[in-house]
Amino acid sequence: MNNTINKIKVKSISFPFSESNEVNTKITFSCFAAANAHLRGVEKPDLGYYKTDFVVVFEDGREYKGRYDIGSDYPTLEEHIISFCSTYSLRHRPAHFKDEHWKHFCEMYKGESAERYGEYLDNYEFGD
């Protein structure tokens, strides 16, 4: 079953800032595939990553803003967003979180914050 049925689609993706001069901050992309293709062309540093701000605008006008670290653990922007939302909605405990750390994290983000990230996962399409 396709879990993206009836989810709100992406209207645009932009990168207003990047530490990399290779990321074009003047282009807006209409889908994750195009945005990821652009980012794949960026030469990654030997050590570290490039901090890159992004804005995803959905067809209903809602925005999701964040930072994607080019050269980090996530090969695509949507994988980064899904992982982030899964953690902050308290639906997924990262393997490196020890019991006490996870308990503290859940206390900090329970309620409205967790609901907001869960709403993104439930209602918005992250992928093409």
N, C-alpha and C. Protein backbone atom coordinates (compact mmCIF):
# COMPACT_ATOMS: atom_id res chain seq x y z
N MET A 1 0.83 -1.19 0.00
CA MET A 1 0.00 0.00 0.00
C MET A 1 0.87 1.24 0.00
N ASN A 2 0.56 2.20 -0.83
CA ASN A 2 1.31 3.45 -0.93
C ASN A 2 0.88 4.39 0.18
N ASN A 3 1.81 4.73 1.10
CA ASN A 3 1.45 5.58 2.22
C ASN A 3 1.50 7.06 1.88
N THR A 4 1.77 7.42 0.63
CA THR A 4 1.78 8.83 0.24
C THR A 4 0.46 9.26 -0.37
N ILE A 5 -0.51 8.34 -0.50
CA ILE A 5 -1.81 8.68 -1.04
C ILE A 5 -2.46 9.71 -0.13
N ASN A 6 -2.98 10.76 -0.74
CA ASN A 6 -3.69 11.84 -0.03
C ASN A 6 -2.79 12.70 0.84
N LYS A 7 -1.50 12.53 0.75
CA LYS A 7 -0.62 13.43 1.50
C LYS A 7 -0.40 14.69 0.68
N ILE A 8 -0.14 15.78 1.39
CA ILE A 8 0.05 17.08 0.74
C ILE A 8 1.42 17.09 0.07
N LYS A 9 1.42 17.46 -1.19
CA LYS A 9 2.63 17.39 -2.00
C LYS A 9 3.50 18.64 -1.86
N VAL A 10 4.74 18.48 -2.26
CA VAL A 10 5.71 19.57 -2.25
C VAL A 10 5.43 20.52 -3.40
N LYS A 11 5.51 21.79 -3.10
CA LYS A 11 5.39 22.82 -4.13
C LYS A 11 6.78 23.30 -4.54
N SER A 12 7.65 23.52 -3.55
CA SER A 12 9.01 23.99 -3.87
C SER A 12 9.99 23.67 -2.75
N ILE A 13 11.25 23.59 -3.15
CA ILE A 13 12.36 23.36 -2.22
C ILE A 13 13.45 24.36 -2.59
N SER A 14 13.95 25.06 -1.59
CA SER A 14 15.02 26.03 -1.84
C SER A 14 16.09 25.91 -0.76
N PHE A 15 17.24 26.45 -1.05
CA PHE A 15 18.38 26.43 -0.15
C PHE A 15 18.87 27.87 0.04
N PRO A 16 18.31 28.60 1.01
CA PRO A 16 18.66 30.02 1.17
C PRO A 16 20.09 30.28 1.62
N PHE A 17 20.75 29.27 2.22
CA PHE A 17 22.14 29.44 2.68
C PHE A 17 22.85 28.09 2.62
N SER A 18 24.11 28.14 2.24
CA SER A 18 24.97 26.96 2.34
C SER A 18 26.41 27.40 2.55
N GLU A 19 27.14 26.61 3.31
CA GLU A 19 28.57 26.87 3.46
C GLU A 19 29.32 26.55 2.16
N SER A 20 28.70 25.78 1.30
CA SER A 20 29.32 25.42 0.02
C SER A 20 28.94 26.45 -1.05
N ASN A 21 29.94 26.92 -1.76
CA ASN A 21 29.68 27.84 -2.87
C ASN A 21 29.04 27.12 -4.06
N GLU A 22 29.06 25.80 -4.04
CA GLU A 22 28.48 25.02 -5.14
C GLU A 22 26.97 24.88 -5.04
N VAL A 23 26.39 25.18 -3.89
CA VAL A 23 24.93 25.12 -3.74
C VAL A 23 24.36 26.44 -4.23
N ASN A 24 23.53 26.36 -5.26
CA ASN A 24 22.93 27.56 -5.82
C ASN A 24 21.75 27.98 -4.94
N THR A 25 21.90 29.12 -4.27
CA THR A 25 20.86 29.61 -3.36
C THR A 25 19.80 30.43 -4.07
N LYS A 26 19.91 30.56 -5.39
CA LYS A 26 18.94 31.34 -6.15
C LYS A 26 17.94 30.47 -6.92
N ILE A 27 18.14 29.14 -6.90
CA ILE A 27 17.27 28.23 -7.63
C ILE A 27 16.23 27.63 -6.67
N THR A 28 15.03 27.46 -7.19
CA THR A 28 13.98 26.75 -6.46
C THR A 28 13.66 25.48 -7.23
N PHE A 29 13.55 24.38 -6.51
CA PHE A 29 13.27 23.08 -7.12
C PHE A 29 11.82 22.70 -6.86
N SER A 30 11.25 21.93 -7.77
CA SER A 30 9.84 21.57 -7.64
C SER A 30 9.62 20.17 -7.05
N CYS A 31 10.73 19.45 -6.78
CA CYS A 31 10.60 18.12 -6.20
C CYS A 31 11.91 17.72 -5.52
N PHE A 32 11.81 16.69 -4.68
CA PHE A 32 13.00 16.22 -3.97
C PHE A 32 14.04 15.64 -4.92
N ALA A 33 13.60 14.96 -5.98
CA ALA A 33 14.56 14.36 -6.91
C ALA A 33 15.48 15.42 -7.50
N ALA A 34 14.91 16.54 -7.91
CA ALA A 34 15.72 17.62 -8.51
C ALA A 34 16.63 18.27 -7.45
N ALA A 35 16.09 18.49 -6.26
CA ALA A 35 16.90 19.08 -5.19
C ALA A 35 18.06 18.16 -4.82
N ASN A 36 17.77 16.86 -4.70
CA ASN A 36 18.83 15.90 -4.37
C ASN A 36 19.88 15.80 -5.47
N ALA A 37 19.45 15.86 -6.73
CA ALA A 37 20.40 15.83 -7.85
C ALA A 37 21.35 17.01 -7.76
N HIS A 38 20.82 18.17 -7.42
CA HIS A 38 21.65 19.36 -7.28
C HIS A 38 22.66 19.17 -6.14
N LEU A 39 22.20 18.65 -5.03
CA LEU A 39 23.10 18.45 -3.88
C LEU A 39 24.13 17.36 -4.13
N ARG A 40 23.76 16.34 -4.91
CA ARG A 40 24.72 15.27 -5.23
C ARG A 40 25.91 15.81 -6.02
N GLY A 41 25.71 16.90 -6.73
CA GLY A 41 26.79 17.48 -7.51
C GLY A 41 27.78 18.29 -6.69
N VAL A 42 27.48 18.48 -5.42
CA VAL A 42 28.36 19.28 -4.55
C VAL A 42 29.50 18.41 -4.05
N GLU A 43 30.71 18.90 -4.26
CA GLU A 43 31.89 18.17 -3.76
C GLU A 43 31.88 18.22 -2.25
N LYS A 44 31.95 17.07 -1.63
CA LYS A 44 31.91 17.00 -0.17
C LYS A 44 33.32 17.19 0.39
N PRO A 45 33.41 17.84 1.53
CA PRO A 45 34.74 18.03 2.14
C PRO A 45 35.33 16.71 2.61
N ASP A 46 36.65 16.63 2.65
CA ASP A 46 37.32 15.42 3.13
C ASP A 46 36.94 15.12 4.57
N LEU A 47 36.89 16.13 5.37
CA LEU A 47 36.49 15.98 6.78
C LEU A 47 35.34 16.93 7.04
N GLY A 48 34.28 16.42 7.58
CA GLY A 48 33.17 17.29 7.95
C GLY A 48 32.07 17.33 6.91
N TYR A 49 31.35 18.44 6.88
CA TYR A 49 30.17 18.59 6.04
C TYR A 49 29.92 20.07 5.79
N TYR A 50 29.00 20.36 4.89
CA TYR A 50 28.58 21.73 4.61
C TYR A 50 27.20 21.97 5.21
N LYS A 51 27.10 22.90 6.14
CA LYS A 51 25.80 23.27 6.69
C LYS A 51 25.00 23.97 5.58
N THR A 52 23.78 23.50 5.37
CA THR A 52 22.94 24.04 4.30
C THR A 52 21.51 24.17 4.79
N ASP A 53 21.00 25.40 4.81
CA ASP A 53 19.62 25.63 5.20
C ASP A 53 18.70 25.28 4.04
N PHE A 54 17.51 24.79 4.37
CA PHE A 54 16.53 24.47 3.33
C PHE A 54 15.14 24.91 3.77
N VAL A 55 14.29 25.15 2.78
CA VAL A 55 12.88 25.46 3.01
C VAL A 55 12.07 24.62 2.04
N VAL A 56 11.16 23.82 2.58
CA VAL A 56 10.22 23.05 1.77
C VAL A 56 8.87 23.73 1.93
N VAL A 57 8.27 24.13 0.80
CA VAL A 57 6.93 24.71 0.82
C VAL A 57 5.99 23.67 0.22
N PHE A 58 4.89 23.42 0.92
CA PHE A 58 3.92 22.44 0.46
C PHE A 58 2.76 23.14 -0.25
N GLU A 59 1.98 22.36 -0.97
CA GLU A 59 0.88 22.91 -1.76
C GLU A 59 -0.16 23.65 -0.93
N ASP A 60 -0.24 23.34 0.36
CA ASP A 60 -1.19 24.06 1.22
C ASP A 60 -0.59 25.33 1.82
N GLY A 61 0.66 25.65 1.44
CA GLY A 61 1.33 26.86 1.91
C GLY A 61 2.18 26.67 3.16
N ARG A 62 2.06 25.54 3.80
CA ARG A 62 2.86 25.29 5.00
C ARG A 62 4.32 25.10 4.62
N GLU A 63 5.21 25.57 5.49
CA GLU A 63 6.65 25.47 5.25
C GLU A 63 7.30 24.56 6.30
N TYR A 64 8.30 23.85 5.85
CA TYR A 64 9.16 23.08 6.74
C TYR A 64 10.56 23.61 6.50
N LYS A 65 11.16 24.16 7.55
CA LYS A 65 12.51 24.73 7.45
C LYS A 65 13.46 23.91 8.31
N GLY A 66 14.68 23.78 7.83
CA GLY A 66 15.67 23.05 8.59
C GLY A 66 17.06 23.23 8.04
N ARG A 67 17.98 22.43 8.55
CA ARG A 67 19.36 22.44 8.09
C ARG A 67 19.75 21.02 7.71
N TYR A 68 20.32 20.90 6.53
CA TYR A 68 20.81 19.63 6.02
C TYR A 68 22.32 19.74 5.92
N ASP A 69 23.02 18.77 6.47
CA ASP A 69 24.47 18.79 6.44
C ASP A 69 24.96 17.92 5.29
N ILE A 70 25.35 18.57 4.20
CA ILE A 70 25.85 17.84 3.03
C ILE A 70 27.13 17.14 3.42
N GLY A 71 27.17 15.83 3.22
CA GLY A 71 28.32 15.03 3.60
C GLY A 71 28.12 14.32 4.93
N SER A 72 26.89 14.40 5.46
CA SER A 72 26.59 13.73 6.73
C SER A 72 26.07 12.32 6.48
N ASP A 73 25.34 11.80 7.44
CA ASP A 73 24.87 10.42 7.38
C ASP A 73 23.71 10.17 6.42
N TYR A 74 23.00 11.20 6.02
CA TYR A 74 21.79 11.00 5.21
C TYR A 74 22.06 11.32 3.75
N PRO A 75 21.86 10.34 2.87
CA PRO A 75 22.17 10.55 1.46
C PRO A 75 21.19 11.46 0.72
N THR A 76 19.97 11.62 1.25
CA THR A 76 19.00 12.49 0.58
C THR A 76 18.35 13.42 1.60
N LEU A 77 17.86 14.53 1.09
CA LEU A 77 17.20 15.51 1.94
C LEU A 77 15.96 14.92 2.62
N GLU A 78 15.16 14.17 1.87
CA GLU A 78 13.94 13.63 2.48
C GLU A 78 14.25 12.58 3.55
N GLU A 79 15.32 11.81 3.38
CA GLU A 79 15.70 10.85 4.43
C GLU A 79 16.08 11.59 5.71
N HIS A 80 16.77 12.70 5.55
CA HIS A 80 17.12 13.53 6.70
C HIS A 80 15.85 14.04 7.40
N ILE A 81 14.91 14.57 6.63
CA ILE A 81 13.68 15.13 7.20
C ILE A 81 12.86 14.05 7.90
N ILE A 82 12.70 12.92 7.25
CA ILE A 82 11.92 11.82 7.85
C ILE A 82 12.56 11.35 9.15
N SER A 83 13.87 11.19 9.17
CA SER A 83 14.56 10.77 10.38
C SER A 83 14.39 11.80 11.49
N PHE A 84 14.55 13.06 11.14
CA PHE A 84 14.42 14.14 12.12
C PHE A 84 13.00 14.16 12.70
N CYS A 85 11.99 14.13 11.82
CA CYS A 85 10.60 14.15 12.27
C CYS A 85 10.26 12.90 13.08
N SER A 86 10.79 11.76 12.70
CA SER A 86 10.53 10.52 13.43
C SER A 86 11.09 10.59 14.85
N THR A 87 12.27 11.17 14.99
CA THR A 87 12.87 11.31 16.31
C THR A 87 12.12 12.35 17.14
N TYR A 88 11.89 13.53 16.57
CA TYR A 88 11.27 14.62 17.34
C TYR A 88 9.77 14.42 17.56
N SER A 89 9.15 13.52 16.83
CA SER A 89 7.76 13.16 17.11
C SER A 89 7.71 12.05 18.18
N LEU A 90 8.87 11.60 18.57
CA LEU A 90 9.06 10.56 19.59
C LEU A 90 8.58 9.20 19.10
N ARG A 91 8.54 9.02 17.78
CA ARG A 91 8.13 7.75 17.20
C ARG A 91 9.29 6.80 16.96
N HIS A 92 10.51 7.35 16.96
CA HIS A 92 11.68 6.51 16.72
C HIS A 92 12.81 6.96 17.64
N ARG A 93 13.36 6.01 18.35
CA ARG A 93 14.49 6.28 19.23
C ARG A 93 15.77 5.93 18.48
N PRO A 94 16.62 6.91 18.22
CA PRO A 94 17.90 6.61 17.55
C PRO A 94 18.73 5.63 18.38
N ALA A 95 19.44 4.77 17.70
CA ALA A 95 20.20 3.70 18.35
C ALA A 95 21.24 4.25 19.34
N HIS A 96 21.77 5.44 19.07
CA HIS A 96 22.81 5.98 19.94
C HIS A 96 22.25 6.64 21.21
N PHE A 97 20.93 6.77 21.32
CA PHE A 97 20.33 7.34 22.54
C PHE A 97 20.28 6.28 23.64
N LYS A 98 20.96 6.53 24.72
CA LYS A 98 20.89 5.65 25.87
C LYS A 98 19.56 5.90 26.59
N ASP A 99 19.15 4.97 27.44
CA ASP A 99 17.85 5.05 28.11
C ASP A 99 17.61 6.40 28.77
N GLU A 100 18.57 6.87 29.56
CA GLU A 100 18.38 8.13 30.29
C GLU A 100 18.31 9.32 29.34
N HIS A 101 19.11 9.30 28.30
CA HIS A 101 19.09 10.37 27.31
C HIS A 101 17.73 10.42 26.60
N TRP A 102 17.22 9.25 26.20
CA TRP A 102 15.93 9.18 25.51
C TRP A 102 14.80 9.66 26.43
N LYS A 103 14.85 9.27 27.70
CA LYS A 103 13.83 9.69 28.66
C LYS A 103 13.82 11.21 28.78
N HIS A 104 15.00 11.80 28.90
CA HIS A 104 15.11 13.26 29.00
C HIS A 104 14.63 13.92 27.71
N PHE A 105 15.03 13.38 26.59
CA PHE A 105 14.62 13.91 25.28
C PHE A 105 13.09 13.89 25.16
N CYS A 106 12.46 12.79 25.54
CA CYS A 106 10.99 12.67 25.48
C CYS A 106 10.31 13.69 26.36
N GLU A 107 10.87 13.94 27.52
CA GLU A 107 10.30 14.95 28.41
C GLU A 107 10.37 16.34 27.78
N MET A 108 11.47 16.63 27.11
CA MET A 108 11.66 17.94 26.49
C MET A 108 10.73 18.16 25.30
N TYR A 109 10.47 17.12 24.52
CA TYR A 109 9.75 17.30 23.25
C TYR A 109 8.33 16.75 23.23
N LYS A 110 7.85 16.21 24.35
CA LYS A 110 6.48 15.69 24.37
C LYS A 110 5.50 16.85 24.20
N GLY A 111 4.30 16.52 23.80
CA GLY A 111 3.27 17.54 23.66
C GLY A 111 3.24 18.16 22.28
N GLU A 112 3.13 19.47 22.25
CA GLU A 112 2.92 20.20 20.99
C GLU A 112 4.05 19.99 20.00
N SER A 113 5.28 19.98 20.47
CA SER A 113 6.43 19.80 19.56
C SER A 113 6.37 18.43 18.88
N ALA A 114 6.16 17.39 19.67
CA ALA A 114 6.08 16.03 19.11
C ALA A 114 4.89 15.91 18.16
N GLU A 115 3.79 16.52 18.50
CA GLU A 115 2.60 16.48 17.64
C GLU A 115 2.87 17.16 16.30
N ARG A 116 3.57 18.29 16.33
CA ARG A 116 3.87 19.03 15.09
C ARG A 116 4.71 18.18 14.14
N TYR A 117 5.74 17.52 14.67
CA TYR A 117 6.58 16.68 13.82
C TYR A 117 5.83 15.45 13.34
N GLY A 118 4.97 14.90 14.18
CA GLY A 118 4.14 13.77 13.77
C GLY A 118 3.16 14.17 12.67
N GLU A 119 2.66 15.38 12.75
CA GLU A 119 1.74 15.89 11.72
C GLU A 119 2.43 15.95 10.35
N TYR A 120 3.69 16.36 10.35
CA TYR A 120 4.43 16.36 9.07
C TYR A 120 4.51 14.94 8.51
N LEU A 121 4.85 13.97 9.35
CA LEU A 121 4.97 12.59 8.90
C LEU A 121 3.64 12.04 8.39
N ASP A 122 2.56 12.38 9.06
CA ASP A 122 1.25 11.83 8.73
C ASP A 122 0.60 12.49 7.52
N ASN A 123 0.87 13.78 7.31
CA ASN A 123 0.09 14.54 6.35
C ASN A 123 0.84 15.09 5.14
N TYR A 124 2.16 15.07 5.17
CA TYR A 124 2.94 15.70 4.12
C TYR A 124 3.85 14.69 3.43
N GLU A 125 4.00 14.87 2.14
CA GLU A 125 4.77 13.94 1.32
C GLU A 125 6.24 14.36 1.29
N PHE A 126 7.10 13.45 1.70
CA PHE A 126 8.55 13.67 1.64
C PHE A 126 9.12 12.63 0.68
N GLY A 127 9.13 12.94 -0.56
CA GLY A 127 9.62 12.03 -1.59
C GLY A 127 8.87 12.26 -2.87
N ASP A 128 9.34 11.63 -3.91
CA ASP A 128 8.72 11.82 -5.24
C ASP A 128 8.04 10.56 -5.69
